[in-house]
Amino acid sequence: MRRKLQRLTILTLSLLWLLIPLAAVQAATYYLDFENPLSNEWEIVGDVEIVSENSHSGQYCLKLGTMGRAIIPVSDNNVYGKVTFWVKDSMIQVPSTTSPKVGPVFGLQNKDGDMLLFGILRRSFLDLSKYGYVLTAENNFYSLWYADIPRTGEWQKWTIEVSGPGIVNVYVNDTLKSISDSKKQYFSKGFTGVYFRGDGLTGPEEFKFDDVTIEIAGPGQIDQHDFPEPRIISSVLQDPNFFPIAVWLQPLDYMDYYKAMGVNIFIGEGARAGVTRKEFLDGLHSKGLYGIVRPGSDNEADPQIISELKNNPALLGWMHVDEPDNAPGGTEKRYPEEVKQLYDQIGALDSEHSVYLNLGSGVGDPEKRQTKTTNYYGYCEGTDIISFDIYPVASYPSGEKVLCFVADGIDNLKKWSDNKKPIWIWLEASDISGNYRYATPEELRAEVWMAIIHGADGIGWFPHVFDPYAWKDIPPELEVEITHIGQTLKTLAPAIIQIRIDPLTAAYRGYAFFTTKSFEDYADLLLGIVLLPGFSLDITDNGV
C-alpha cells in the first residue's frame, strides 16, 4: 500500500503536536511514526511517499526518492534540543566523482537557512561505505567531510543534539560520533526544523525514515539583522498597473522583438560595443521602454555619469555588479560590505532611482551556494530591488524535478530581506549552455506562477546561449508562451500588485475581473490568483 504525496494537496491535520503555537517555545517532546497522513504543516516537495514496505515500527514509514524533500518545521525561531529518527539506506552504490556530489541527506536547519546534514556524499576522497556530512553555514555543499559512520542497509538510530552555543553532538545507535569542533560553532544557535531529502540528480538511492522524536529544551539564539526599507522605489515601479518584465543584456536592435512579448525593462547597457549609456536609454525611451544601467565601474559610482543620466525618462535604476555571491574557490566576487558601500555612494548622488542587485543560483539551490548564508542578509541591505537567477531545466540533467528551486529562492530572499524589498527573478528562455534542454511551455509557465505565488514582484528572461554564443535563442513555442505570459501579467498587474498590499481588496477586484471573462480563457490566471499568499486551495486527483 502506498500513499503518494506528489500533488499539491491540503491534507487534514493529524499530528496533535502541530496544533501547539510554534512561536511559544517551551520544553516539550513530540513523536511521529507516519501511521497517519502527513499534515499540511509539513513542507513536502517531489517524490515523497508513506509506504508500508519494511518499516521500522508499525506499518508505515517515510520514503524519499530523487530530490524528494520533507521538512518538519519545529519552531519559527531557533530552539535548543535534540532530534532522534531511524534511517534505512538502500545501499545502492553510485561511483564517486572528483567534483562534489550530494546524495540523500538528513539533519537540521536553523532560522538563517543553514543546515547540518549527514548522508551519502560522492567524492573521490570519501569512502562510499561510510556517511559524510555537510555544514552549509561554512561554504555549503562545496565542503564535504568524512564521518566514520558505516552504511549497513539496516535501520539505524540517529540522534542530533544542539544543546547550547557550540554544543553539538551526534549519536548513531547511541554511540557518540566525532564532529570537528570548528564545524560545530557554525551550527550552535539552535534549529528550527528537521530536514530530509532524497538522492541528488546523479543517483537512484532511496532512503527511508521512521519514528521521529523531537525534544525541545528551550529557545535558542536569534541573530538580529537590521532590515531597512528600500531607500528609493523609482516612480515607474510605483504605478499599480506596471508589472516589471525584464530582459538581460540585449542590444537595442531587439527592442521591438521583446516589447511584443511583454518586456518593459532592459537591464544592462553593454550588449553592443560603442553604445553609450545615454544612447542606450534614449533608444529605449523611443520605444516606451525602461533601462537599468551601471552607475560607473563595478566598484565605484561615477558622479558625472549619474548626473548626466538621472533625469533621463527611460532610467529605471542603477545596477550592482552581477552575482557578487558567486566566486569559484570560495571567495566572494564582492563582499556585502562593498555592495552596501556602493549603494550608499549611489544614494548620495541620486535620490529618485532604485538600486538593483542580482544574485546567483545559490539563492534557490544550496548546493550551488558559494558564500556563507548569513552574507545574504548583507547583500539584501545593499540594494532597493533584489533578484536572483536560476534555470532548472537548462542547468540540471533532470530539471523537471527541481522546478521548486524557483519558489525556494523567492522564499529565501523574502526571509533574508525581512520581506521589505521588491524581489525579482530571472527565468530560462533558452537552453543556455546546450548541456540539457529547453523548458517546455508548461514548465516555463509553472516557473512563472511559482515565483509570483511565492511573492515575486517582477520577472526577467535570460535568452542567451553560450555555445556558440548568441544574444537570443528562444524557440518558437517559447516565444508564444512568453508572449502569453506577458499579456497575462499586464492584465493582472493591478490584482497582483494590490494583493501584496491588501489581500481582501485584491480578492474583490479579482472576483470582479473574472466574472467578466471566460473561465476557459483565464483558468490558469484564476489558479494563480487564488494561490497567492492569503488564499488556500484544495487540489485533489479530480481537479480543483
Protein backbone atom coordinates (compact mmCIF):
# COMPACT_ATOMS: atom_id res chain seq x y z
CA MET A 1 0.00 0.00 0.00
CA ARG A 2 1.33 3.45 -0.88
CA ARG A 3 0.14 6.97 -0.19
CA LYS A 4 1.63 9.29 -2.80
CA LEU A 5 2.29 12.91 -1.76
CA GLN A 6 3.40 14.35 -5.09
CA ARG A 7 0.37 16.56 -5.74
CA LEU A 8 -0.26 19.94 -4.14
CA THR A 9 -2.80 18.75 -1.59
CA ILE A 10 -4.14 20.35 1.54
CA LEU A 11 -4.09 17.39 3.91
CA THR A 12 -6.04 17.01 7.13
CA LEU A 13 -4.24 17.95 10.32
CA SER A 14 -3.38 14.68 12.01
CA LEU A 15 -0.48 15.43 14.34
CA LEU A 16 -1.67 16.99 17.56
CA TRP A 17 1.69 18.49 18.38
CA LEU A 18 1.42 20.79 15.37
CA LEU A 19 -1.57 22.48 16.98
CA ILE A 20 0.74 23.96 19.59
CA PRO A 21 1.73 27.56 18.73
CA LEU A 22 5.29 27.30 17.48
CA ALA A 23 6.19 30.83 18.48
CA ALA A 24 5.78 29.97 22.18
CA VAL A 25 8.93 27.90 22.72
CA GLN A 26 8.60 25.59 25.71
CA ALA A 27 10.20 22.32 26.74
CA ALA A 28 8.24 19.57 25.04
CA THR A 29 8.61 16.20 23.32
CA TYR A 30 6.82 15.16 20.11
CA TYR A 31 6.74 11.81 18.32
CA LEU A 32 5.87 11.00 14.69
CA ASP A 33 5.52 7.47 13.35
CA PHE A 34 3.90 8.02 9.91
CA GLU A 35 0.91 5.85 10.73
CA ASN A 36 -1.33 8.81 9.86
CA PRO A 37 -1.29 11.11 6.81
CA LEU A 38 1.18 13.99 6.97
CA SER A 39 -0.40 17.28 7.94
CA ASN A 40 -0.12 20.38 5.79
CA GLU A 41 2.29 21.81 8.35
CA TRP A 42 4.96 19.69 6.68
CA GLU A 43 6.86 21.16 3.74
CA ILE A 44 6.65 18.47 1.06
CA VAL A 45 8.25 18.67 -2.39
CA GLY A 46 8.61 16.00 -5.07
CA ASP A 47 8.91 12.24 -4.65
CA VAL A 48 7.84 11.73 -1.03
CA GLU A 49 5.75 8.73 -0.02
CA ILE A 50 4.37 6.99 3.01
CA VAL A 51 4.95 3.30 2.29
CA SER A 52 4.26 0.01 4.04
CA GLU A 53 7.35 -1.92 2.93
CA ASN A 54 9.92 -2.75 5.64
CA SER A 55 9.02 -0.04 8.14
CA HIS A 56 10.98 0.21 11.36
CA SER A 57 7.96 0.03 13.63
CA GLY A 58 4.26 -0.09 12.95
CA GLN A 59 3.03 -0.50 9.38
CA TYR A 60 4.30 2.65 7.62
CA CYS A 61 7.44 4.71 7.14
CA LEU A 62 8.54 7.71 5.05
CA LYS A 63 10.42 7.12 1.78
CA LEU A 64 12.18 9.79 -0.29
CA GLY A 65 13.05 9.38 -3.96
CA THR A 66 15.28 11.54 -6.14
CA MET A 67 15.15 15.17 -4.91
CA GLY A 68 12.11 14.41 -2.77
CA ARG A 69 12.09 16.68 0.26
CA ALA A 70 10.24 16.64 3.57
CA ILE A 71 10.82 19.26 6.27
CA ILE A 72 9.28 19.20 9.73
CA PRO A 73 9.01 22.79 10.99
CA VAL A 74 9.72 22.79 14.73
CA SER A 75 9.64 26.49 15.59
CA ASP A 76 9.59 29.91 13.97
CA ASN A 77 12.76 30.76 15.91
CA ASN A 78 15.81 28.74 16.87
CA VAL A 79 15.39 26.24 19.69
CA TYR A 80 17.79 24.03 21.60
CA GLY A 81 17.01 20.36 21.90
CA LYS A 82 17.56 17.11 20.06
CA VAL A 83 16.01 15.07 17.31
CA THR A 84 16.05 11.28 17.05
CA PHE A 85 14.99 9.29 13.99
CA TRP A 86 15.64 5.96 12.33
CA VAL A 87 17.26 5.74 8.88
CA LYS A 88 17.39 2.87 6.38
CA ASP A 89 19.85 3.09 3.47
CA SER A 90 19.07 1.31 0.19
CA MET A 91 22.82 0.55 -0.24
CA ILE A 92 22.82 1.25 -3.97
CA GLN A 93 26.37 2.11 -4.99
CA VAL A 94 26.91 5.09 -7.28
CA PRO A 95 30.52 5.87 -8.32
CA SER A 96 32.28 8.74 -6.60
CA THR A 97 33.46 11.79 -8.54
CA THR A 98 36.18 14.40 -8.29
CA SER A 99 33.58 17.16 -8.01
CA PRO A 100 31.19 17.47 -5.06
CA LYS A 101 28.07 15.34 -5.49
CA VAL A 102 25.46 15.06 -2.78
CA GLY A 103 23.24 12.02 -2.38
CA PRO A 104 20.44 11.56 0.18
CA VAL A 105 20.90 13.82 3.21
CA PHE A 106 19.15 14.41 6.51
CA GLY A 107 19.63 16.62 9.54
CA LEU A 108 18.71 20.02 10.99
CA GLN A 109 18.21 23.53 9.65
CA ASN A 110 18.16 26.85 11.51
CA LYS A 111 16.48 30.22 11.10
CA ASP A 112 19.20 31.53 8.79
CA GLY A 113 18.64 28.60 6.45
CA ASP A 114 21.92 26.90 7.40
CA MET A 115 21.84 23.11 7.58
CA LEU A 116 23.83 20.37 9.33
CA LEU A 117 23.26 17.36 7.07
CA PHE A 118 24.50 13.79 7.02
CA GLY A 119 24.24 11.39 4.11
CA ILE A 120 25.91 9.83 1.10
CA LEU A 121 28.45 12.26 -0.31
CA ARG A 122 30.08 11.16 -3.56
CA ARG A 123 33.61 12.41 -3.87
CA SER A 124 36.86 10.60 -4.59
CA PHE A 125 38.36 11.09 -1.11
CA LEU A 126 35.22 9.85 0.68
CA ASP A 127 34.56 6.19 1.38
CA LEU A 128 31.15 5.34 -0.09
CA SER A 129 30.68 2.67 2.57
CA LYS A 130 30.54 5.44 5.18
CA TYR A 131 28.41 8.53 5.74
CA GLY A 132 29.74 12.04 5.33
CA TYR A 133 28.40 15.40 6.39
CA VAL A 134 27.84 18.91 5.08
CA LEU A 135 27.67 22.06 7.14
CA THR A 136 26.05 24.71 5.00
CA ALA A 137 26.94 27.65 7.23
CA GLU A 138 30.60 27.48 6.23
CA ASN A 139 30.67 27.12 2.47
CA ASN A 140 27.70 24.93 1.79
CA PHE A 141 27.73 21.86 -0.39
CA TYR A 142 31.19 22.53 -1.75
CA SER A 143 32.64 21.47 1.62
CA LEU A 144 32.12 17.77 2.35
CA TRP A 145 33.54 15.99 5.37
CA TYR A 146 34.14 12.35 6.19
CA ALA A 147 32.31 10.76 9.12
CA ASP A 148 33.27 7.32 10.44
CA ILE A 149 29.69 6.06 10.36
CA PRO A 150 29.15 2.84 8.37
CA ARG A 151 26.29 2.23 5.95
CA THR A 152 24.60 -1.05 6.87
CA GLY A 153 21.44 -1.30 4.79
CA GLU A 154 19.56 -1.83 8.07
CA TRP A 155 17.65 0.55 10.27
CA GLN A 156 20.00 2.76 12.30
CA LYS A 157 19.13 5.18 15.07
CA TRP A 158 20.38 8.75 14.66
CA THR A 159 20.33 11.48 17.30
CA ILE A 160 21.42 15.06 16.62
CA GLU A 161 21.60 17.26 19.69
CA VAL A 162 22.11 21.03 19.81
CA SER A 163 22.01 21.87 23.48
CA GLY A 164 23.80 25.21 23.69
CA PRO A 165 26.30 27.52 21.97
CA GLY A 166 28.90 25.29 20.33
CA ILE A 167 27.43 22.13 21.90
CA VAL A 168 26.51 19.86 19.01
CA ASN A 169 26.57 16.09 19.47
CA VAL A 170 25.72 13.34 17.01
CA TYR A 171 24.96 9.77 18.05
CA VAL A 172 24.43 6.75 15.81
CA ASN A 173 22.95 3.71 17.55
CA ASP A 174 23.56 5.63 20.81
CA THR A 175 27.31 5.90 20.15
CA LEU A 176 28.82 9.40 20.07
CA LYS A 177 30.44 10.22 16.73
CA SER A 178 33.26 12.68 16.18
CA ILE A 179 32.43 16.00 14.54
CA SER A 180 35.04 18.75 14.30
CA ASP A 181 34.64 21.45 16.93
CA SER A 182 35.46 24.07 14.30
CA LYS A 183 32.37 22.95 12.39
CA LYS A 184 30.07 22.80 15.40
CA GLN A 185 30.40 26.52 16.08
CA TYR A 186 28.60 27.32 12.85
CA PHE A 187 25.50 25.47 13.99
CA SER A 188 25.38 26.44 17.63
CA LYS A 189 22.36 28.78 17.67
CA GLY A 190 19.77 26.02 17.67
CA PHE A 191 17.46 24.74 14.97
CA THR A 192 14.03 25.43 13.51
CA GLY A 193 13.30 22.27 11.54
CA VAL A 194 14.21 18.70 10.67
CA TYR A 195 15.28 18.21 7.05
CA PHE A 196 15.02 15.03 4.95
CA ARG A 197 15.98 14.96 1.26
CA GLY A 198 16.24 12.09 -1.18
CA ASP A 199 19.07 11.41 -3.58
CA GLY A 200 20.53 14.09 -5.83
CA LEU A 201 20.05 14.07 -9.56
CA THR A 202 23.14 11.86 -10.02
CA GLY A 203 21.89 8.81 -8.14
CA PRO A 204 18.92 6.48 -7.58
CA GLU A 205 19.27 5.71 -3.87
CA GLU A 206 16.12 5.73 -1.77
CA PHE A 207 16.18 6.47 1.93
CA LYS A 208 13.50 5.59 4.46
CA PHE A 209 12.82 7.32 7.77
CA ASP A 210 10.70 6.30 10.73
CA ASP A 211 9.97 7.05 14.39
CA VAL A 212 10.95 10.71 14.64
CA THR A 213 11.20 12.15 18.16
CA ILE A 214 11.69 15.89 18.66
CA GLU A 215 12.69 17.10 22.12
CA ILE A 216 12.66 20.87 22.62
CA ALA A 217 14.65 22.08 25.63
CA GLY A 218 14.10 25.81 25.21
CA PRO A 219 14.74 28.84 22.99
CA GLY A 220 17.97 29.16 21.06
CA GLN A 221 19.85 32.20 19.79
CA ILE A 222 18.43 34.65 17.26
CA ASP A 223 20.65 36.91 15.20
CA GLN A 224 19.23 40.39 14.92
CA HIS A 225 19.52 41.85 11.43
CA ASP A 226 18.78 45.44 10.54
CA PHE A 227 16.41 45.39 7.58
CA PRO A 228 15.92 48.92 6.26
CA GLU A 229 13.10 49.64 3.88
CA PRO A 230 14.13 50.35 0.29
CA ARG A 231 15.62 53.82 0.23
CA ILE A 232 14.11 54.61 -3.17
CA ILE A 233 11.49 52.98 -5.38
CA SER A 234 11.58 54.55 -8.84
CA SER A 235 8.32 56.28 -9.75
CA VAL A 236 7.58 53.89 -12.64
CA LEU A 237 7.61 50.97 -10.21
CA GLN A 238 5.00 52.70 -8.06
CA ASP A 239 2.46 52.52 -10.89
CA PRO A 240 -0.16 49.89 -9.84
CA ASN A 241 -0.57 48.89 -13.48
CA PHE A 242 3.14 48.23 -14.10
CA PHE A 243 4.42 44.68 -13.56
CA PRO A 244 8.18 44.52 -14.28
CA ILE A 245 9.15 42.10 -17.07
CA ALA A 246 12.83 42.42 -17.89
CA VAL A 247 15.35 41.00 -20.35
CA TRP A 248 19.05 40.62 -19.62
CA LEU A 249 21.81 42.36 -21.59
CA GLN A 250 20.25 42.75 -25.04
CA PRO A 251 21.12 45.13 -27.89
CA LEU A 252 18.74 47.84 -28.95
CA ASP A 253 18.20 46.01 -32.26
CA TYR A 254 15.81 43.69 -30.41
CA MET A 255 13.64 46.31 -28.73
CA ASP A 256 10.57 45.68 -30.89
CA TYR A 257 11.00 41.90 -30.62
CA TYR A 258 10.98 41.89 -26.83
CA LYS A 259 8.38 44.60 -26.43
CA ALA A 260 5.98 42.47 -28.48
CA MET A 261 6.50 39.69 -25.90
CA GLY A 262 5.62 41.97 -22.98
CA VAL A 263 9.11 43.06 -21.91
CA ASN A 264 9.20 46.59 -20.48
CA ILE A 265 12.71 46.76 -18.95
CA PHE A 266 16.17 46.20 -20.48
CA ILE A 267 18.84 45.51 -17.83
CA GLY A 268 22.49 46.14 -18.73
CA GLU A 269 23.70 48.55 -21.36
CA GLY A 270 26.79 46.70 -22.58
CA ALA A 271 25.29 44.47 -25.25
CA ARG A 272 26.80 46.39 -28.17
CA ALA A 273 30.30 47.86 -28.17
CA GLY A 274 30.36 51.61 -28.70
CA VAL A 275 26.82 52.28 -27.46
CA THR A 276 26.90 54.74 -24.58
CA ARG A 277 24.58 54.59 -21.60
CA LYS A 278 22.78 57.69 -22.86
CA GLU A 279 22.30 56.23 -26.34
CA PHE A 280 21.01 53.04 -24.73
CA LEU A 281 18.45 54.87 -22.59
CA ASP A 282 17.42 57.21 -25.40
CA GLY A 283 16.79 54.22 -27.66
CA LEU A 284 14.62 52.59 -25.00
CA HIS A 285 12.68 55.80 -24.42
CA SER A 286 11.84 55.99 -28.12
CA LYS A 287 10.01 52.68 -27.73
CA GLY A 288 8.39 53.38 -24.37
CA LEU A 289 10.78 51.04 -22.53
CA TYR A 290 12.93 51.45 -19.42
CA GLY A 291 16.51 50.57 -18.55
CA ILE A 292 18.73 49.75 -15.59
CA VAL A 293 22.39 50.65 -16.15
CA ARG A 294 25.70 50.69 -14.29
CA PRO A 295 26.49 53.87 -12.31
CA GLY A 296 30.16 53.76 -13.27
CA SER A 297 32.65 50.95 -12.68
CA ASP A 298 31.77 47.76 -10.84
CA ASN A 299 33.21 49.16 -7.62
CA GLU A 300 32.50 52.87 -7.70
CA ALA A 301 29.74 55.28 -8.66
CA ASP A 302 30.78 57.96 -11.15
CA PRO A 303 29.22 61.34 -10.24
CA GLN A 304 29.45 62.55 -13.85
CA ILE A 305 27.58 59.52 -15.24
CA ILE A 306 24.85 59.74 -12.61
CA SER A 307 24.46 63.50 -13.07
CA GLU A 308 24.16 63.09 -16.84
CA LEU A 309 21.60 60.29 -16.75
CA LYS A 310 19.49 60.69 -13.63
CA ASN A 311 16.92 62.85 -15.43
CA ASN A 312 16.67 60.57 -18.46
CA PRO A 313 12.99 59.48 -18.71
CA ALA A 314 13.96 55.90 -19.54
CA LEU A 315 16.17 55.42 -16.48
CA LEU A 316 14.60 52.96 -14.05
CA GLY A 317 17.58 52.39 -11.80
CA TRP A 318 21.26 51.64 -11.24
CA MET A 319 22.76 48.14 -11.09
CA HIS A 320 25.41 46.47 -8.97
CA VAL A 321 27.91 44.03 -10.47
CA ASP A 322 26.12 40.79 -11.32
CA GLU A 323 26.12 37.81 -8.92
CA PRO A 324 28.55 39.05 -6.23
CA ASP A 325 27.83 35.86 -4.27
CA ASN A 326 29.28 33.61 -6.99
CA ALA A 327 33.02 33.02 -6.90
CA PRO A 328 34.90 29.77 -7.67
CA GLY A 329 37.21 28.86 -4.83
CA GLY A 330 35.01 30.15 -2.06
CA THR A 331 35.94 33.86 -2.06
CA GLU A 332 33.06 36.18 -2.85
CA LYS A 333 33.32 38.22 -6.02
CA ARG A 334 32.24 41.13 -3.84
CA TYR A 335 31.52 41.11 -0.14
CA PRO A 336 28.27 42.52 1.30
CA GLU A 337 30.17 45.42 2.83
CA GLU A 338 31.37 46.50 -0.63
CA VAL A 339 27.85 46.20 -2.03
CA LYS A 340 26.48 48.40 0.75
CA GLN A 341 29.28 50.94 0.25
CA LEU A 342 28.41 51.35 -3.44
CA TYR A 343 24.71 51.52 -2.52
CA ASP A 344 25.41 54.46 -0.26
CA GLN A 345 27.51 56.19 -2.92
CA ILE A 346 24.70 55.95 -5.46
CA GLY A 347 22.10 57.15 -2.97
CA ALA A 348 24.11 60.26 -2.19
CA LEU A 349 24.13 61.16 -5.91
CA ASP A 350 20.59 60.23 -6.94
CA SER A 351 17.55 60.40 -4.66
CA GLU A 352 14.96 59.32 -7.25
CA HIS A 353 16.05 55.98 -8.72
CA SER A 354 16.31 52.50 -7.24
CA VAL A 355 19.48 50.44 -6.95
CA TYR A 356 19.22 46.89 -8.32
CA LEU A 357 21.21 43.78 -7.35
CA ASN A 358 21.08 40.31 -8.91
CA LEU A 359 22.38 37.24 -7.07
CA GLY A 360 23.27 33.77 -8.30
CA SER A 361 21.52 30.41 -8.33
CA GLY A 362 22.77 29.59 -4.82
CA VAL A 363 19.80 31.62 -3.57
CA GLY A 364 17.48 28.83 -4.70
CA ASP A 365 19.81 25.81 -4.73
CA PRO A 366 22.00 25.47 -1.62
CA GLU A 367 24.29 23.04 -3.45
CA LYS A 368 25.36 25.93 -5.70
CA ARG A 369 25.78 28.44 -2.92
CA GLN A 370 29.34 29.78 -2.80
CA THR A 371 29.11 32.15 0.13
CA LYS A 372 28.01 31.94 3.73
CA THR A 373 24.25 32.01 4.05
CA THR A 374 24.41 34.90 6.52
CA ASN A 375 26.11 37.08 3.86
CA TYR A 376 22.80 37.25 2.02
CA TYR A 377 21.39 39.46 4.75
CA GLY A 378 24.11 41.98 3.94
CA TYR A 379 23.51 41.74 0.20
CA CYS A 380 19.82 42.46 0.76
CA GLU A 381 20.66 45.54 2.80
CA GLY A 382 22.77 46.97 -0.02
CA THR A 383 20.04 47.42 -2.60
CA ASP A 384 16.47 48.59 -3.19
CA ILE A 385 15.46 45.79 -5.57
CA ILE A 386 16.92 42.30 -5.29
CA SER A 387 16.75 39.37 -7.68
CA PHE A 388 18.36 36.02 -8.41
CA ASP A 389 18.70 33.73 -11.40
CA ILE A 390 18.06 30.03 -11.65
CA TYR A 391 17.39 27.93 -14.73
CA PRO A 392 16.25 24.45 -13.62
CA VAL A 393 15.57 22.78 -16.96
CA ALA A 394 18.54 24.24 -18.84
CA SER A 395 21.02 23.70 -15.99
CA TYR A 396 20.15 20.30 -14.48
CA PRO A 397 20.07 16.80 -16.01
CA SER A 398 16.50 16.20 -14.79
CA GLY A 399 15.36 19.77 -14.40
CA GLU A 400 11.68 18.90 -14.12
CA LYS A 401 12.50 17.52 -10.64
CA VAL A 402 13.92 20.81 -9.38
CA LEU A 403 11.48 23.43 -10.65
CA CYS A 404 10.88 24.06 -6.94
CA PHE A 405 14.22 25.92 -6.74
CA VAL A 406 12.37 28.89 -8.23
CA ALA A 407 9.99 29.01 -5.26
CA ASP A 408 12.74 28.22 -2.75
CA GLY A 409 14.79 31.19 -3.91
CA ILE A 410 11.89 33.61 -3.62
CA ASP A 411 11.16 32.32 -0.11
CA ASN A 412 14.81 32.78 0.87
CA LEU A 413 15.04 36.35 -0.43
CA LYS A 414 11.83 37.24 1.39
CA LYS A 415 13.35 35.89 4.61
CA TRP A 416 16.77 37.48 4.13
CA SER A 417 15.24 40.89 3.34
CA ASP A 418 12.53 40.62 6.02
CA ASN A 419 10.06 40.86 3.13
CA LYS A 420 10.80 44.58 2.80
CA LYS A 421 12.42 44.67 -0.65
CA PRO A 422 10.87 44.06 -4.08
CA ILE A 423 12.03 40.65 -5.34
CA TRP A 424 12.54 39.75 -8.99
CA ILE A 425 13.69 36.54 -10.63
CA TRP A 426 15.46 35.59 -13.88
CA LEU A 427 13.95 32.63 -15.72
CA GLU A 428 15.19 30.49 -18.60
CA ALA A 429 14.20 31.44 -22.14
CA SER A 430 16.85 29.33 -23.91
CA ASP A 431 18.85 26.16 -23.26
CA ILE A 432 21.77 28.46 -22.27
CA SER A 433 24.78 26.11 -22.31
CA GLY A 434 23.26 23.47 -24.55
CA ASN A 435 24.07 20.77 -21.98
CA TYR A 436 20.46 19.82 -21.31
CA ARG A 437 17.30 21.15 -22.94
CA TYR A 438 14.82 23.98 -23.32
CA ALA A 439 11.98 24.27 -20.84
CA THR A 440 8.62 23.30 -22.24
CA PRO A 441 5.91 25.99 -22.32
CA GLU A 442 4.20 24.22 -19.42
CA GLU A 443 7.39 24.15 -17.35
CA LEU A 444 8.10 27.80 -18.03
CA ARG A 445 4.53 28.75 -17.09
CA ALA A 446 4.92 26.76 -13.87
CA GLU A 447 8.12 28.63 -13.03
CA VAL A 448 6.43 31.99 -13.55
CA TRP A 449 3.43 31.18 -11.39
CA MET A 450 5.52 29.57 -8.66
CA ALA A 451 7.58 32.74 -8.50
CA ILE A 452 4.55 35.03 -8.32
CA ILE A 453 2.66 32.83 -5.89
CA HIS A 454 5.66 32.87 -3.55
CA GLY A 455 5.96 36.64 -3.74
CA ALA A 456 7.97 37.73 -6.79
CA ASP A 457 7.32 41.35 -7.72
CA GLY A 458 8.91 41.09 -11.16
CA ILE A 459 10.35 38.55 -13.59
CA GLY A 460 13.05 38.59 -16.24
CA TRP A 461 14.03 36.46 -19.23
CA PHE A 462 17.51 35.12 -19.87
CA PRO A 463 17.60 34.36 -23.61
CA HIS A 464 21.35 33.93 -24.25
CA VAL A 465 23.06 30.76 -25.44
CA PHE A 466 26.81 30.27 -24.98
CA ASP A 467 27.96 27.55 -27.36
CA PRO A 468 28.06 29.01 -29.92
CA TYR A 469 27.23 32.37 -28.40
CA ALA A 470 24.08 34.16 -29.47
CA TRP A 471 22.22 37.10 -27.89
CA LYS A 472 19.00 35.13 -28.01
CA ASP A 473 17.95 31.59 -28.82
CA ILE A 474 14.27 31.40 -27.90
CA PRO A 475 12.46 28.59 -29.73
CA PRO A 476 9.11 29.44 -31.39
CA GLU A 477 7.00 27.58 -28.84
CA LEU A 478 8.57 29.57 -26.01
CA GLU A 479 8.14 32.84 -27.91
CA VAL A 480 4.40 32.09 -27.98
CA GLU A 481 4.36 31.19 -24.26
CA ILE A 482 6.43 34.19 -23.20
CA THR A 483 4.12 36.48 -25.17
CA HIS A 484 1.08 34.91 -23.48
CA ILE A 485 2.72 35.31 -20.07
CA GLY A 486 3.49 38.95 -20.82
CA GLN A 487 -0.11 39.66 -21.82
CA THR A 488 -1.39 37.83 -18.76
CA LEU A 489 0.83 39.70 -16.33
CA LYS A 490 -0.02 43.05 -17.89
CA THR A 491 -3.73 42.28 -17.47
CA LEU A 492 -3.35 41.00 -13.93
CA ALA A 493 -0.84 43.60 -12.74
CA PRO A 494 -3.37 45.58 -10.65
CA ALA A 495 -4.57 42.43 -8.87
CA ILE A 496 -1.08 41.02 -8.27
CA ILE A 497 0.30 44.32 -7.02
CA GLN A 498 -2.75 45.03 -4.86
CA ILE A 499 -2.63 41.64 -3.18
CA ARG A 500 0.83 42.45 -1.84
CA ILE A 501 -0.72 45.48 -0.14
CA ASP A 502 -4.27 44.43 0.73
CA PRO A 503 -5.34 40.81 0.06
CA LEU A 504 -9.03 41.43 0.80
CA THR A 505 -9.35 44.29 -1.68
CA ALA A 506 -7.39 42.26 -4.24
CA ALA A 507 -9.73 39.31 -3.78
CA TYR A 508 -12.74 41.50 -4.57
CA ARG A 509 -11.04 43.02 -7.62
CA GLY A 510 -10.03 39.56 -8.81
CA TYR A 511 -13.62 38.35 -8.50
CA ALA A 512 -14.93 41.33 -10.45
CA PHE A 513 -12.33 40.76 -13.16
CA PHE A 514 -13.01 37.07 -13.63
CA THR A 515 -16.79 37.38 -13.68
CA THR A 516 -16.40 39.34 -16.93
CA LYS A 517 -14.09 36.79 -18.62
CA SER A 518 -14.37 33.29 -19.99
CA PHE A 519 -13.20 30.70 -17.47
CA GLU A 520 -11.61 28.68 -20.25
CA ASP A 521 -9.51 31.67 -21.28
CA TYR A 522 -8.42 32.56 -17.77
CA ALA A 523 -8.36 29.29 -15.84
CA ASP A 524 -4.61 29.44 -15.27
CA LEU A 525 -4.88 33.07 -14.19
CA LEU A 526 -7.58 32.21 -11.68
CA LEU A 527 -5.39 29.42 -10.32
CA GLY A 528 -2.52 31.86 -9.95
CA ILE A 529 -4.63 34.44 -8.13
CA VAL A 530 -6.18 32.06 -5.62
CA LEU A 531 -2.78 30.60 -4.82
CA LEU A 532 -1.28 33.96 -3.94
CA PRO A 533 -0.46 34.47 -0.24
CA GLY A 534 -3.58 34.76 1.86
CA PHE A 535 -5.58 32.18 -0.07
CA SER A 536 -5.89 28.40 0.28
CA LEU A 537 -6.89 25.82 -2.29
CA ASP A 538 -7.51 22.08 -2.22
CA ILE A 539 -6.32 20.28 -5.34
CA THR A 540 -7.25 16.62 -5.48
CA ASP A 541 -6.92 13.85 -8.07
CA ASN A 542 -10.19 15.02 -9.59
CA GLY A 543 -9.11 18.61 -10.10
CA VAL A 544 -9.79 21.86 -8.30
